[in-house]
Amino acid sequence: MIVTTAQGMELRWSRVAPENSLAEKVLDVQGLVVSVGIRRVIDNLTFSLSGGEVVYVAGPNGSGKSTLLNAIAGTDPAKIEDGRILFLGTDITLLPTHKRAALGISYMM
């Protein structure tokens, strides 16, 4: 599956586990709207990621790649204006960064 945003960010999925493996939904992003300062960077992004899947995020400068990761991790300068982020079925949209990290959400650049 491929999702391309209006800003040019592209998300591509591939499975690394066998198709018949039981894979629960790990990350579910629903209608995500994110701003940095006064600029809306992500507008109404929806996707989900199940166990055994890998997602590739690419795009030009300013397309929202880092903003997406910051929104999921709950770090500045991403400001979630609308939408929901669920991790293993738990709504983490309003959780502070340290509580998301305690659930196992982190990334390195």
Protein backbone atom coordinates (compact mmCIF):
# COMPACT_ATOMS: atom_id res chain seq x y z
CA MET A 1 0.00 0.00 0.00
CA ILE A 2 1.19 3.54 -0.76
CA VAL A 3 -0.10 6.80 0.74
CA THR A 4 1.07 10.14 -0.65
CA THR A 5 0.15 13.38 1.11
CA ALA A 6 -0.54 16.72 -0.55
CA GLN A 7 2.82 17.90 0.78
CA GLY A 8 4.62 15.10 -1.08
CA MET A 9 5.35 12.77 1.84
CA GLU A 10 5.09 9.13 0.81
CA LEU A 11 4.43 6.17 3.08
CA ARG A 12 4.98 2.65 1.68
CA TRP A 13 4.21 -0.58 3.51
CA SER A 14 5.84 -3.95 3.20
CA ARG A 15 5.35 -7.13 5.20
CA VAL A 16 8.32 -8.82 6.80
CA ALA A 17 6.24 -11.51 8.50
CA PRO A 18 4.34 -14.24 6.64
CA GLU A 19 0.88 -13.15 5.44
CA ASN A 20 -0.81 -15.83 7.52
CA SER A 21 0.82 -14.72 10.80
CA LEU A 22 -1.49 -13.21 13.38
CA ALA A 23 -0.67 -9.54 13.39
CA GLU A 24 -2.40 -7.10 15.69
CA LYS A 25 -2.67 -3.44 14.83
CA VAL A 26 0.30 -1.72 16.47
CA LEU A 27 -0.15 1.88 15.32
CA ASP A 28 -3.38 3.47 14.12
CA VAL A 29 -3.28 7.11 12.95
CA GLN A 30 -6.72 8.59 12.26
CA GLY A 31 -7.29 11.96 10.57
CA LEU A 32 -4.07 13.44 11.93
CA VAL A 33 -3.64 17.21 11.54
CA VAL A 34 -0.31 18.60 12.77
CA SER A 35 1.20 22.07 12.72
CA VAL A 36 4.66 23.43 13.38
CA GLY A 37 4.38 27.06 14.40
CA ILE A 38 1.69 28.60 12.20
CA ARG A 39 2.27 26.16 9.30
CA ARG A 40 0.01 23.11 8.89
CA VAL A 41 2.40 20.37 7.87
CA ILE A 42 0.18 17.27 8.03
CA ASP A 43 -3.47 17.50 7.03
CA ASN A 44 -5.87 14.60 7.64
CA LEU A 45 -3.39 11.69 7.47
CA THR A 46 -4.82 8.22 8.15
CA PHE A 47 -2.93 4.93 8.16
CA SER A 48 -2.38 1.87 10.33
CA LEU A 49 0.58 -0.40 10.88
CA SER A 50 0.24 -4.01 12.03
CA GLY A 51 2.77 -6.36 13.51
CA GLY A 52 5.15 -7.69 10.87
CA GLU A 53 4.86 -4.59 8.69
CA VAL A 54 7.53 -2.04 7.95
CA VAL A 55 6.70 1.42 6.70
CA TYR A 56 9.02 3.51 4.55
CA VAL A 57 8.55 7.28 4.88
CA ALA A 58 10.08 9.49 2.20
CA GLY A 59 9.55 12.92 0.68
CA PRO A 60 11.14 16.27 -0.06
CA ASN A 61 12.24 18.75 2.59
CA GLY A 62 9.24 20.18 4.41
CA SER A 63 6.86 17.36 3.46
CA GLY A 64 6.25 16.28 7.07
CA LYS A 65 8.47 13.25 7.65
CA SER A 66 10.05 14.49 10.90
CA THR A 67 6.79 16.15 11.94
CA LEU A 68 5.01 12.78 11.67
CA LEU A 69 7.61 11.08 13.86
CA ASN A 70 7.52 13.97 16.36
CA ALA A 71 3.71 13.78 16.53
CA ILE A 72 3.79 10.03 17.17
CA ALA A 73 6.51 10.39 19.82
CA GLY A 74 4.85 13.48 21.32
CA THR A 75 7.85 15.76 20.94
CA ASP A 76 8.13 19.43 20.06
CA PRO A 77 7.70 21.27 17.77
CA ALA A 78 4.81 19.12 16.45
CA LYS A 79 1.42 20.34 17.64
CA ILE A 80 -1.47 17.93 17.05
CA GLU A 81 -4.55 19.95 16.13
CA ASP A 82 -6.91 17.09 15.29
CA GLY A 83 -7.05 13.35 14.87
CA ARG A 84 -6.02 10.42 17.03
CA ILE A 85 -2.99 8.22 17.46
CA LEU A 86 -3.57 4.78 18.93
CA PHE A 87 -0.72 2.51 20.02
CA LEU A 88 -1.73 -1.12 20.67
CA GLY A 89 -5.33 0.10 20.99
CA THR A 90 -4.56 2.82 23.55
CA ASP A 91 -5.20 6.44 22.58
CA ILE A 92 -1.86 8.21 23.12
CA THR A 93 -2.77 11.46 21.33
CA LEU A 94 -2.69 13.57 24.49
CA LEU A 95 -0.09 11.59 26.47
CA PRO A 96 3.13 13.43 27.32
CA THR A 97 6.37 12.25 25.73
CA HIS A 98 7.69 10.42 28.80
CA LYS A 99 4.51 8.32 29.09
CA ARG A 100 4.70 7.41 25.38
CA ALA A 101 8.33 6.41 25.89
CA ALA A 102 7.30 4.21 28.82
CA LEU A 103 4.95 2.39 26.43
CA GLY A 104 7.89 1.73 24.09
CA ILE A 105 7.52 4.57 21.58
CA SER A 106 10.80 6.19 20.57
CA TYR A 107 12.90 6.98 17.52
CA MET A 108 16.41 8.07 16.62
CA MET A 109 17.45 10.41 13.87
